[in-house]
Amino acid sequence: MLNDKAQAALDGWINAAGPIGDKLLGVSEASWAEVRSHYMNALNKLFPVTEKVDIEPVNMGGVAGIVVTPEKVLDNRTLLYIHGGGYVHGGIKGYEGLAARYATWLGARVYVPDYRQAPEHGFPTPINDVFTAYRYLLESGVAPQSLALSGDSAGGAMVVTTMIKARNAGLPQPVAGAALSPWANLTLSGASAQDRDGLDPLVTVAMLKRLARTFLGDALATDPDASPVFADVRGIAPTLIQIGENEVMLSDAIRLASHLGENRVRVNLEVWPGMFHVWHLFSGFMPEAAQALMNAVNFLDHELTQAKNR
């Protein structure tokens, strides 16, 4: 049962997402840029910045974005936060509030790349842009032992994919990654895609199928860069996965955790009863959201502290 403020925010989020569905169905004449702007402006108002932070534009090796700096940064801590949006309709403005809370609670500068998205820039451009931002942070002097990753939905999947790409390129791993409601399998073959469809108020299987095809183009949904449940994950950093029990992505998030564990990646899995997709955005006024985000902060804080003391 949501409190009144959380319910109002959820209703507002559902309304804000309406034009996205219209665009995916081909019944909207608005451009994708207009649809994204409308959606991000709405999320910015629904989930505003409440912490004392500085938010500045930044160029990460050619990838635009923002850096959110709290009043106190501990040991040059840096978090690369990868926003969600199905690789199609996300944006940085809607995530300023969440990034500010992460920055303040973790004591870290939070970089949020504004990666290019489909259909203008389909697979694998969004993934490559995020990896460019990761490489930029290392090349700009951020020490690997001070660097962590987090992201939600498509961004949650890219947390894992970015660590894989870093390993393949011979770059250092971050200390850890936190994947919030990750969209880990674009085939949508998990059991929850059937038995949870309709429970999550924000995400349906029909919508995800349209997003996946818009993003993938001619690529296969089983491509390991698109769906990390099929990837070689050996040697990547410790990973936290948080998923809501009502999410259609539940089974595939559990599959991702199992896949990581079976390949000797240290993994923590949290399944939150009754929670919906990326409930973390509600951390300013919903206890379950605040606790989930704090759990992610504690996980990353522990790994950053351990790395510093090695």
C-alpha atoms as a PDB file:
ATOM      1  CA  MET A   1       0.000   0.000   0.000  1.00  0.00           C
ATOM      2  CA  LEU A   2       1.584   3.254  -1.133  1.00  0.00           C
ATOM      3  CA  ASN A   3       1.335   6.427   0.895  1.00  0.00           C
ATOM      4  CA  ASP A   4      -0.543   9.329  -0.689  1.00  0.00           C
ATOM      5  CA  LYS A   5       2.572  11.105  -1.954  1.00  0.00           C
ATOM      6  CA  ALA A   6       4.001   7.935  -3.476  1.00  0.00           C
ATOM      7  CA  GLN A   7       0.679   7.098  -5.134  1.00  0.00           C
ATOM      8  CA  ALA A   8       0.444  10.600  -6.600  1.00  0.00           C
ATOM      9  CA  ALA A   9       3.991  10.312  -7.947  1.00  0.00           C
ATOM     10  CA  LEU A  10       3.242   6.904  -9.427  1.00  0.00           C
ATOM     11  CA  ASP A  11       0.105   8.235 -11.125  1.00  0.00           C
ATOM     12  CA  GLY A  12       2.135  11.145 -12.462  1.00  0.00           C
ATOM     13  CA  TRP A  13       4.810   8.810 -13.802  1.00  0.00           C
ATOM     14  CA  ILE A  14       2.218   6.662 -15.569  1.00  0.00           C
ATOM     15  CA  ASN A  15       0.683   9.761 -17.175  1.00  0.00           C
ATOM     16  CA  ALA A  16       4.104  11.068 -18.221  1.00  0.00           C
ATOM     17  CA  ALA A  17       4.845   7.771 -19.954  1.00  0.00           C
ATOM     18  CA  GLY A  18       1.684   7.920 -22.070  1.00  0.00           C
ATOM     19  CA  PRO A  19       3.257   9.761 -25.048  1.00  0.00           C
ATOM     20  CA  ILE A  20       6.049   7.166 -25.122  1.00  0.00           C
ATOM     21  CA  GLY A  21       3.522   4.421 -25.673  1.00  0.00           C
ATOM     22  CA  ASP A  22       1.841   6.470 -28.383  1.00  0.00           C
ATOM     23  CA  LYS A  23       5.184   6.993 -30.114  1.00  0.00           C
ATOM     24  CA  LEU A  24       6.049   3.302 -29.961  1.00  0.00           C
ATOM     25  CA  LEU A  25       2.656   2.472 -31.446  1.00  0.00           C
ATOM     26  CA  GLY A  26       3.214   4.974 -34.272  1.00  0.00           C
ATOM     27  CA  VAL A  27       0.196   7.123 -33.384  1.00  0.00           C
ATOM     28  CA  SER A  28       2.158  10.217 -32.358  1.00  0.00           C
ATOM     29  CA  GLU A  29       3.504  12.883 -34.712  1.00  0.00           C
ATOM     30  CA  ALA A  30       5.877  14.272 -32.071  1.00  0.00           C
ATOM     31  CA  SER A  31       9.589  13.652 -32.553  1.00  0.00           C
ATOM     32  CA  TRP A  32      11.498  11.362 -30.240  1.00  0.00           C
ATOM     33  CA  ALA A  33      13.390  14.401 -28.957  1.00  0.00           C
ATOM     34  CA  GLU A  34      10.077  16.039 -28.010  1.00  0.00           C
ATOM     35  CA  VAL A  35       8.742  12.879 -26.377  1.00  0.00           C
ATOM     36  CA  ARG A  36      11.928  12.410 -24.347  1.00  0.00           C
ATOM     37  CA  SER A  37      11.968  16.057 -23.265  1.00  0.00           C
ATOM     38  CA  HIS A  38       8.340  15.885 -22.086  1.00  0.00           C
ATOM     39  CA  TYR A  39       9.007  12.679 -20.169  1.00  0.00           C
ATOM     40  CA  MET A  40      12.231  13.894 -18.522  1.00  0.00           C
ATOM     41  CA  ASN A  41      10.715  17.230 -17.519  1.00  0.00           C
ATOM     42  CA  ALA A  42       7.845  15.362 -15.875  1.00  0.00           C
ATOM     43  CA  LEU A  43      10.176  13.025 -13.970  1.00  0.00           C
ATOM     44  CA  ASN A  44      12.295  15.982 -12.887  1.00  0.00           C
ATOM     45  CA  LYS A  45       9.231  17.539 -11.253  1.00  0.00           C
ATOM     46  CA  LEU A  46       7.983  14.277  -9.758  1.00  0.00           C
ATOM     47  CA  PHE A  47      11.380  13.308  -8.294  1.00  0.00           C
ATOM     48  CA  PRO A  48      13.163  16.625  -7.657  1.00  0.00           C
ATOM     49  CA  VAL A  49      16.584  17.341  -6.191  1.00  0.00           C
ATOM     50  CA  THR A  50      16.253  17.753  -2.417  1.00  0.00           C
ATOM     51  CA  GLU A  51      19.919  17.562  -1.397  1.00  0.00           C
ATOM     52  CA  LYS A  52      22.558  20.310  -1.433  1.00  0.00           C
ATOM     53  CA  VAL A  53      24.574  19.438  -4.523  1.00  0.00           C
ATOM     54  CA  ASP A  54      26.165  21.141  -7.500  1.00  0.00           C
ATOM     55  CA  ILE A  55      25.018  19.927 -10.914  1.00  0.00           C
ATOM     56  CA  GLU A  56      27.214  20.841 -13.850  1.00  0.00           C
ATOM     57  CA  PRO A  57      27.451  19.759 -17.488  1.00  0.00           C
ATOM     58  CA  VAL A  58      30.417  17.581 -18.398  1.00  0.00           C
ATOM     59  CA  ASN A  59      31.912  16.139 -21.581  1.00  0.00           C
ATOM     60  CA  MET A  60      33.043  12.565 -21.077  1.00  0.00           C
ATOM     61  CA  GLY A  61      35.245  11.847 -24.053  1.00  0.00           C
ATOM     62  CA  GLY A  62      32.642  13.156 -26.467  1.00  0.00           C
ATOM     63  CA  VAL A  63      29.638  11.904 -24.490  1.00  0.00           C
ATOM     64  CA  ALA A  64      27.646  14.726 -22.889  1.00  0.00           C
ATOM     65  CA  GLY A  65      26.339  14.403 -19.369  1.00  0.00           C
ATOM     66  CA  ILE A  66      26.251  15.900 -15.907  1.00  0.00           C
ATOM     67  CA  VAL A  67      28.359  15.579 -12.790  1.00  0.00           C
ATOM     68  CA  VAL A  68      26.583  15.850  -9.438  1.00  0.00           C
ATOM     69  CA  THR A  69      28.846  16.888  -6.562  1.00  0.00           C
ATOM     70  CA  PRO A  70      27.722  16.714  -2.920  1.00  0.00           C
ATOM     71  CA  GLU A  71      28.925  18.975  -0.141  1.00  0.00           C
ATOM     72  CA  LYS A  72      31.419  16.323   0.962  1.00  0.00           C
ATOM     73  CA  VAL A  73      33.294  13.884  -1.295  1.00  0.00           C
ATOM     74  CA  LEU A  74      35.082  11.035   0.483  1.00  0.00           C
ATOM     75  CA  ASP A  75      38.451   9.925  -0.897  1.00  0.00           C
ATOM     76  CA  ASN A  76      37.672  11.151  -4.425  1.00  0.00           C
ATOM     77  CA  ARG A  77      34.835   8.634  -4.704  1.00  0.00           C
ATOM     78  CA  THR A  78      33.247   8.555  -8.138  1.00  0.00           C
ATOM     79  CA  LEU A  79      30.043   6.847  -9.266  1.00  0.00           C
ATOM     80  CA  LEU A  80      29.104   6.386 -12.912  1.00  0.00           C
ATOM     81  CA  TYR A  81      25.292   6.255 -12.928  1.00  0.00           C
ATOM     82  CA  ILE A  82      23.611   4.884 -16.068  1.00  0.00           C
ATOM     83  CA  HIS A  83      20.000   5.987 -16.447  1.00  0.00           C
ATOM     84  CA  GLY A  84      17.247   3.753 -17.734  1.00  0.00           C
ATOM     85  CA  GLY A  85      14.625   4.210 -20.429  1.00  0.00           C
ATOM     86  CA  GLY A  86      14.699   1.076 -22.548  1.00  0.00           C
ATOM     87  CA  TYR A  87      17.611   2.446 -24.620  1.00  0.00           C
ATOM     88  CA  VAL A  88      15.006   4.699 -26.244  1.00  0.00           C
ATOM     89  CA  HIS A  89      13.292   7.285 -24.046  1.00  0.00           C
ATOM     90  CA  GLY A  90      15.454   8.034 -20.986  1.00  0.00           C
ATOM     91  CA  GLY A  91      17.512  11.105 -20.171  1.00  0.00           C
ATOM     92  CA  ILE A  92      19.609  12.745 -17.503  1.00  0.00           C
ATOM     93  CA  LYS A  93      17.161  15.442 -16.379  1.00  0.00           C
ATOM     94  CA  GLY A  94      14.729  12.939 -14.930  1.00  0.00           C
ATOM     95  CA  TYR A  95      17.464  11.388 -12.803  1.00  0.00           C
ATOM     96  CA  GLU A  96      18.928  14.467 -11.131  1.00  0.00           C
ATOM     97  CA  GLY A  97      17.034  13.770  -7.904  1.00  0.00           C
ATOM     98  CA  LEU A  98      18.184  10.147  -7.669  1.00  0.00           C
ATOM     99  CA  ALA A  99      21.760  11.081  -8.609  1.00  0.00           C
ATOM    100  CA  ALA A 100      21.787  13.821  -5.956  1.00  0.00           C
ATOM    101  CA  ARG A 101      20.633  11.397  -3.281  1.00  0.00           C
ATOM    102  CA  TYR A 102      23.222   8.813  -4.362  1.00  0.00           C
ATOM    103  CA  ALA A 103      25.930  11.507  -4.318  1.00  0.00           C
ATOM    104  CA  THR A 104      25.031  12.719  -0.835  1.00  0.00           C
ATOM    105  CA  TRP A 105      24.560   9.325   0.782  1.00  0.00           C
ATOM    106  CA  LEU A 106      27.669   7.771  -0.798  1.00  0.00           C
ATOM    107  CA  GLY A 107      29.889  10.848  -0.570  1.00  0.00           C
ATOM    108  CA  ALA A 108      30.741  10.591  -4.250  1.00  0.00           C
ATOM    109  CA  ARG A 109      30.764  12.639  -7.408  1.00  0.00           C
ATOM    110  CA  VAL A 110      28.120  11.109  -9.636  1.00  0.00           C
ATOM    111  CA  TYR A 111      28.594  11.239 -13.394  1.00  0.00           C
ATOM    112  CA  VAL A 112      25.491  10.591 -15.503  1.00  0.00           C
ATOM    113  CA  PRO A 113      26.165  10.166 -19.240  1.00  0.00           C
ATOM    114  CA  ASP A 114      23.519  11.383 -21.672  1.00  0.00           C
ATOM    115  CA  TYR A 115      24.163   8.503 -24.043  1.00  0.00           C
ATOM    116  CA  ARG A 116      22.610   8.496 -27.499  1.00  0.00           C
ATOM    117  CA  GLN A 117      19.461   6.412 -27.923  1.00  0.00           C
ATOM    118  CA  ALA A 118      17.396   4.503 -30.468  1.00  0.00           C
ATOM    119  CA  PRO A 119      15.837   4.753 -32.935  1.00  0.00           C
ATOM    120  CA  GLU A 120      18.192   7.514 -34.073  1.00  0.00           C
ATOM    121  CA  HIS A 121      21.128   5.634 -32.574  1.00  0.00           C
ATOM    122  CA  GLY A 122      20.381   1.959 -32.179  1.00  0.00           C
ATOM    123  CA  PHE A 123      22.351  -0.995 -30.863  1.00  0.00           C
ATOM    124  CA  PRO A 124      25.181  -0.895 -29.873  1.00  0.00           C
ATOM    125  CA  THR A 125      25.598   2.917 -29.758  1.00  0.00           C
ATOM    126  CA  PRO A 126      24.091   3.495 -26.273  1.00  0.00           C
ATOM    127  CA  ILE A 127      26.328   0.784 -24.810  1.00  0.00           C
ATOM    128  CA  ASN A 128      29.409   2.135 -26.576  1.00  0.00           C
ATOM    129  CA  ASP A 129      28.686   5.659 -25.331  1.00  0.00           C
ATOM    130  CA  VAL A 130      28.506   4.464 -21.732  1.00  0.00           C
ATOM    131  CA  PHE A 131      31.773   2.577 -22.137  1.00  0.00           C
ATOM    132  CA  THR A 132      33.352   5.729 -23.575  1.00  0.00           C
ATOM    133  CA  ALA A 133      32.267   7.579 -20.432  1.00  0.00           C
ATOM    134  CA  TYR A 134      33.772   4.843 -18.258  1.00  0.00           C
ATOM    135  CA  ARG A 135      37.047   4.999 -20.155  1.00  0.00           C
ATOM    136  CA  TYR A 136      37.035   8.788 -19.843  1.00  0.00           C
ATOM    137  CA  LEU A 137      36.782   8.630 -16.057  1.00  0.00           C
ATOM    138  CA  LEU A 138      39.815   6.344 -15.857  1.00  0.00           C
ATOM    139  CA  GLU A 139      41.797   8.454 -18.331  1.00  0.00           C
ATOM    140  CA  SER A 140      40.906  11.650 -16.455  1.00  0.00           C
ATOM    141  CA  GLY A 141      42.607  10.325 -13.338  1.00  0.00           C
ATOM    142  CA  VAL A 142      39.863   8.588 -11.375  1.00  0.00           C
ATOM    143  CA  ALA A 143      41.526   5.681  -9.577  1.00  0.00           C
ATOM    144  CA  PRO A 144      39.809   2.303 -10.112  1.00  0.00           C
ATOM    145  CA  GLN A 145      39.702   1.783  -6.336  1.00  0.00           C
ATOM    146  CA  SER A 146      37.599   4.967  -6.073  1.00  0.00           C
ATOM    147  CA  LEU A 147      35.213   4.117  -8.916  1.00  0.00           C
ATOM    148  CA  ALA A 148      31.849   2.326  -8.778  1.00  0.00           C
ATOM    149  CA  LEU A 149      28.960   1.805 -11.184  1.00  0.00           C
ATOM    150  CA  SER A 150      25.206   1.849 -10.795  1.00  0.00           C
ATOM    151  CA  GLY A 151      22.215   2.098 -13.086  1.00  0.00           C
ATOM    152  CA  ASP A 152      18.563   1.208 -13.486  1.00  0.00           C
ATOM    153  CA  SER A 153      16.574  -0.816 -16.015  1.00  0.00           C
ATOM    154  CA  ALA A 154      18.527  -0.719 -19.305  1.00  0.00           C
ATOM    155  CA  GLY A 155      21.184   1.122 -17.314  1.00  0.00           C
ATOM    156  CA  GLY A 156      21.229  -1.748 -14.825  1.00  0.00           C
ATOM    157  CA  ALA A 157      22.050  -4.161 -17.626  1.00  0.00           C
ATOM    158  CA  MET A 158      24.731  -1.755 -18.859  1.00  0.00           C
ATOM    159  CA  VAL A 159      26.373  -1.854 -15.429  1.00  0.00           C
ATOM    160  CA  VAL A 160      27.255  -5.486 -16.133  1.00  0.00           C
ATOM    161  CA  THR A 161      27.984  -4.942 -19.831  1.00  0.00           C
ATOM    162  CA  THR A 162      30.326  -2.028 -19.090  1.00  0.00           C
ATOM    163  CA  MET A 163      32.344  -4.166 -16.693  1.00  0.00           C
ATOM    164  CA  ILE A 164      32.548  -6.903 -19.322  1.00  0.00           C
ATOM    165  CA  LYS A 165      33.730  -4.436 -21.965  1.00  0.00           C
ATOM    166  CA  ALA A 166      36.325  -3.045 -19.542  1.00  0.00           C
ATOM    167  CA  ARG A 167      37.643  -6.565 -18.908  1.00  0.00           C
ATOM    168  CA  ASN A 168      37.795  -7.294 -22.629  1.00  0.00           C
ATOM    169  CA  ALA A 169      39.656  -4.026 -23.281  1.00  0.00           C
ATOM    170  CA  GLY A 170      42.202  -4.710 -20.550  1.00  0.00           C
ATOM    171  CA  LEU A 171      40.950  -1.809 -18.429  1.00  0.00           C
ATOM    172  CA  PRO A 172      40.627  -1.957 -14.642  1.00  0.00           C
ATOM    173  CA  GLN A 173      37.352  -3.013 -13.097  1.00  0.00           C
ATOM    174  CA  PRO A 174      35.448  -0.641 -10.824  1.00  0.00           C
ATOM    175  CA  VAL A 175      35.256  -1.738  -7.215  1.00  0.00           C
ATOM    176  CA  ALA A 176      31.631  -2.869  -7.673  1.00  0.00           C
ATOM    177  CA  GLY A 177      28.386  -2.384  -9.542  1.00  0.00           C
ATOM    178  CA  ALA A 178      24.793  -1.962  -8.356  1.00  0.00           C
ATOM    179  CA  ALA A 179      22.110  -2.901 -10.880  1.00  0.00           C
ATOM    180  CA  LEU A 180      18.637  -1.588  -9.996  1.00  0.00           C
ATOM    181  CA  SER A 181      15.727  -3.370 -11.716  1.00  0.00           C
ATOM    182  CA  PRO A 182      18.028  -4.499 -14.548  1.00  0.00           C
ATOM    183  CA  TRP A 183      16.590  -5.350 -17.957  1.00  0.00           C
ATOM    184  CA  ALA A 184      18.981  -8.257 -18.312  1.00  0.00           C
ATOM    185  CA  ASN A 185      17.301 -10.310 -21.035  1.00  0.00           C
ATOM    186  CA  LEU A 186      15.718  -8.699 -24.087  1.00  0.00           C
ATOM    187  CA  THR A 187      14.208 -12.040 -25.155  1.00  0.00           C
ATOM    188  CA  LEU A 188      11.748 -11.617 -22.246  1.00  0.00           C
ATOM    189  CA  SER A 189      11.758 -15.376 -21.799  1.00  0.00           C
ATOM    190  CA  GLY A 190      11.587 -15.486 -18.007  1.00  0.00           C
ATOM    191  CA  ALA A 191       8.503 -16.859 -16.292  1.00  0.00           C
ATOM    192  CA  SER A 192       7.709 -13.485 -14.725  1.00  0.00           C
ATOM    193  CA  ALA A 193       7.123 -12.030 -18.199  1.00  0.00           C
ATOM    194  CA  GLN A 194       3.966 -14.135 -18.133  1.00  0.00           C
ATOM    195  CA  ASP A 195       2.852 -14.315 -14.523  1.00  0.00           C
ATOM    196  CA  ARG A 196       3.815 -10.743 -13.529  1.00  0.00           C
ATOM    197  CA  ASP A 197       2.569  -8.965 -16.637  1.00  0.00           C
ATOM    198  CA  GLY A 198      -0.109  -6.571 -15.422  1.00  0.00           C
ATOM    199  CA  LEU A 199       1.153  -6.430 -11.824  1.00  0.00           C
ATOM    200  CA  ASP A 200       3.797  -3.815 -12.515  1.00  0.00           C
ATOM    201  CA  PRO A 201       1.941  -0.514 -13.066  1.00  0.00           C
ATOM    202  CA  LEU A 202       4.734   0.923 -15.211  1.00  0.00           C
ATOM    203  CA  VAL A 203       6.089  -1.808 -17.473  1.00  0.00           C
ATOM    204  CA  THR A 204       4.308  -4.318 -19.680  1.00  0.00           C
ATOM    205  CA  VAL A 205       5.725  -7.067 -21.862  1.00  0.00           C
ATOM    206  CA  ALA A 206       4.118  -5.509 -24.945  1.00  0.00           C
ATOM    207  CA  MET A 207       5.904  -2.226 -24.286  1.00  0.00           C
ATOM    208  CA  LEU A 208       9.230  -3.959 -23.654  1.00  0.00           C
ATOM    209  CA  LYS A 209       8.948  -5.886 -26.916  1.00  0.00           C
ATOM    210  CA  ARG A 210       8.469  -2.633 -28.833  1.00  0.00           C
ATOM    211  CA  LEU A 211      11.393  -1.019 -27.026  1.00  0.00           C
ATOM    212  CA  ALA A 212      13.616  -4.030 -27.680  1.00  0.00           C
ATOM    213  CA  ARG A 213      12.889  -4.049 -31.401  1.00  0.00           C
ATOM    214  CA  THR A 214      13.343  -0.275 -31.651  1.00  0.00           C
ATOM    215  CA  PHE A 215      16.740  -0.599 -29.983  1.00  0.00           C
ATOM    216  CA  LEU A 216      17.998  -3.809 -31.585  1.00  0.00           C
ATOM    217  CA  GLY A 217      17.140  -3.200 -35.222  1.00  0.00           C
ATOM    218  CA  ASP A 218      18.525  -6.280 -36.996  1.00  0.00           C
ATOM    219  CA  ALA A 219      20.536  -7.468 -33.985  1.00  0.00           C
ATOM    220  CA  LEU A 220      19.466 -10.510 -32.012  1.00  0.00           C
ATOM    221  CA  ALA A 221      17.953 -10.189 -28.550  1.00  0.00           C
ATOM    222  CA  THR A 222      20.411 -12.886 -27.449  1.00  0.00           C
ATOM    223  CA  ASP A 223      23.422 -10.710 -28.276  1.00  0.00           C
ATOM    224  CA  PRO A 224      25.461 -10.746 -25.043  1.00  0.00           C
ATOM    225  CA  ASP A 225      25.996  -6.976 -25.182  1.00  0.00           C
ATOM    226  CA  ALA A 226      22.225  -6.468 -25.189  1.00  0.00           C
ATOM    227  CA  SER A 227      21.320  -9.263 -22.784  1.00  0.00           C
ATOM    228  CA  PRO A 228      24.036  -9.962 -20.203  1.00  0.00           C
ATOM    229  CA  VAL A 229      22.373 -13.213 -19.112  1.00  0.00           C
ATOM    230  CA  PHE A 230      24.053 -14.631 -22.254  1.00  0.00           C
ATOM    231  CA  ALA A 231      27.446 -12.956 -21.723  1.00  0.00           C
ATOM    232  CA  ASP A 232      30.786 -14.217 -20.471  1.00  0.00           C
ATOM    233  CA  VAL A 233      30.818 -12.495 -17.079  1.00  0.00           C
ATOM    234  CA  ARG A 234      33.938 -14.081 -15.603  1.00  0.00           C
ATOM    235  CA  GLY A 235      36.265 -11.713 -13.797  1.00  0.00           C
ATOM    236  CA  ILE A 236      33.954  -8.732 -13.363  1.00  0.00           C
ATOM    237  CA  ALA A 237      33.567  -6.843 -10.099  1.00  0.00           C
ATOM    238  CA  PRO A 238      31.185  -7.743  -7.231  1.00  0.00           C
ATOM    239  CA  THR A 239      27.630  -6.900  -8.186  1.00  0.00           C
ATOM    240  CA  LEU A 240      24.416  -6.106  -6.338  1.00  0.00           C
ATOM    241  CA  ILE A 241      21.126  -6.798  -8.096  1.00  0.00           C
ATOM    242  CA  GLN A 242      17.869  -5.370  -6.751  1.00  0.00           C
ATOM    243  CA  ILE A 243      14.536  -6.267  -8.337  1.00  0.00           C
ATOM    244  CA  GLY A 244      10.892  -5.759  -7.407  1.00  0.00           C
ATOM    245  CA  GLU A 245       8.811  -8.892  -6.923  1.00  0.00           C
ATOM    246  CA  ASN A 246       6.029  -7.468  -9.124  1.00  0.00           C
ATOM    247  CA  GLU A 247       8.337  -6.775 -12.063  1.00  0.00           C
ATOM    248  CA  VAL A 248       8.054  -8.619 -15.354  1.00  0.00           C
ATOM    249  CA  MET A 249      11.891  -8.583 -15.308  1.00  0.00           C
ATOM    250  CA  LEU A 250      12.013 -10.525 -12.006  1.00  0.00           C
ATOM    251  CA  SER A 251      12.917 -13.955 -13.415  1.00  0.00           C
ATOM    252  CA  ASP A 252      15.651 -12.601 -15.657  1.00  0.00           C
ATOM    253  CA  ALA A 253      17.191 -10.561 -12.828  1.00  0.00           C
ATOM    254  CA  ILE A 254      17.325 -13.758 -10.765  1.00  0.00           C
ATOM    255  CA  ARG A 255      18.792 -15.539 -13.794  1.00  0.00           C
ATOM    256  CA  LEU A 256      21.458 -12.845 -14.083  1.00  0.00           C
ATOM    257  CA  ALA A 257      22.370 -13.229 -10.408  1.00  0.00           C
ATOM    258  CA  SER A 258      22.609 -16.992 -10.828  1.00  0.00           C
ATOM    259  CA  HIS A 259      24.716 -16.584 -13.977  1.00  0.00           C
ATOM    260  CA  LEU A 260      27.112 -14.271 -12.148  1.00  0.00           C
ATOM    261  CA  GLY A 261      27.407 -16.597  -9.164  1.00  0.00           C
ATOM    262  CA  GLU A 262      27.965 -19.667 -11.321  1.00  0.00           C
ATOM    263  CA  ASN A 263      30.845 -17.823 -12.992  1.00  0.00           C
ATOM    264  CA  ARG A 264      32.567 -16.903  -9.723  1.00  0.00           C
ATOM    265  CA  VAL A 265      31.386 -13.316  -9.567  1.00  0.00           C
ATOM    266  CA  ARG A 266      30.457 -12.300  -6.043  1.00  0.00           C
ATOM    267  CA  VAL A 267      26.813 -11.300  -6.226  1.00  0.00           C
ATOM    268  CA  ASN A 268      24.148 -10.046  -3.850  1.00  0.00           C
ATOM    269  CA  LEU A 269      20.511 -10.421  -4.892  1.00  0.00           C
ATOM    270  CA  GLU A 270      17.641  -8.544  -3.257  1.00  0.00           C
ATOM    271  CA  VAL A 271      14.046  -9.268  -4.237  1.00  0.00           C
ATOM    272  CA  TRP A 272      11.670  -6.674  -2.794  1.00  0.00           C
ATOM    273  CA  PRO A 273       8.109  -7.984  -2.248  1.00  0.00           C
ATOM    274  CA  GLY A 274       5.395  -5.958  -3.952  1.00  0.00           C
ATOM    275  CA  MET A 275       7.785  -3.461  -5.532  1.00  0.00           C
ATOM    276  CA  PHE A 276       7.532  -2.193  -9.107  1.00  0.00           C
ATOM    277  CA  HIS A 277      10.077  -1.170 -11.727  1.00  0.00           C
ATOM    278  CA  VAL A 278      12.758   1.250 -10.434  1.00  0.00           C
ATOM    279  CA  TRP A 279      10.889   2.094  -7.246  1.00  0.00           C
ATOM    280  CA  HIS A 280      14.186   3.636  -6.106  1.00  0.00           C
ATOM    281  CA  LEU A 281      13.140   6.931  -7.709  1.00  0.00           C
ATOM    282  CA  PHE A 282      10.637   7.289  -4.841  1.00  0.00           C
ATOM    283  CA  SER A 283      13.384   7.298  -2.188  1.00  0.00           C
ATOM    284  CA  GLY A 284      12.469  10.818  -1.062  1.00  0.00           C
ATOM    285  CA  PHE A 285       9.034   9.795   0.223  1.00  0.00           C
ATOM    286  CA  MET A 286       8.667   6.012   0.212  1.00  0.00           C
ATOM    287  CA  PRO A 287      10.368   3.879   2.932  1.00  0.00           C
ATOM    288  CA  GLU A 288      10.930   0.825   0.734  1.00  0.00           C
ATOM    289  CA  ALA A 289      12.606   2.971  -1.897  1.00  0.00           C
ATOM    290  CA  ALA A 290      14.814   4.771   0.607  1.00  0.00           C
ATOM    291  CA  GLN A 291      15.872   1.470   2.177  1.00  0.00           C
ATOM    292  CA  ALA A 292      16.638  -0.142  -1.181  1.00  0.00           C
ATOM    293  CA  LEU A 293      18.767   2.794  -2.257  1.00  0.00           C
ATOM    294  CA  MET A 294      20.520   2.847   1.114  1.00  0.00           C
ATOM    295  CA  ASN A 295      21.265  -0.869   0.721  1.00  0.00           C
ATOM    296  CA  ALA A 296      22.878  -0.087  -2.633  1.00  0.00           C
ATOM    297  CA  VAL A 297      24.846   2.756  -1.036  1.00  0.00           C
ATOM    298  CA  ASN A 298      25.996   0.472   1.786  1.00  0.00           C
ATOM    299  CA  PHE A 299      27.073  -2.209  -0.684  1.00  0.00           C
ATOM    300  CA  LEU A 300      29.120   0.266  -2.729  1.00  0.00           C
ATOM    301  CA  ASP A 301      30.456   1.996   0.391  1.00  0.00           C
ATOM    302  CA  HIS A 302      31.751  -1.301   1.731  1.00  0.00           C
ATOM    303  CA  GLU A 303      33.534  -2.138  -1.522  1.00  0.00           C
ATOM    304  CA  LEU A 304      35.018   1.357  -1.829  1.00  0.00           C
ATOM    305  CA  THR A 305      36.259   1.219   1.762  1.00  0.00           C
ATOM    306  CA  GLN A 306      37.770  -2.233   1.279  1.00  0.00           C
ATOM    307  CA  ALA A 307      39.500  -1.138  -1.923  1.00  0.00           C
ATOM    308  CA  LYS A 308      40.988   1.902  -0.217  1.00  0.00           C
ATOM    309  CA  ASN A 309      42.385  -0.213   2.615  1.00  0.00           C
ATOM    310  CA  ARG A 310      43.999  -2.864   0.421  1.00  0.00           C
END
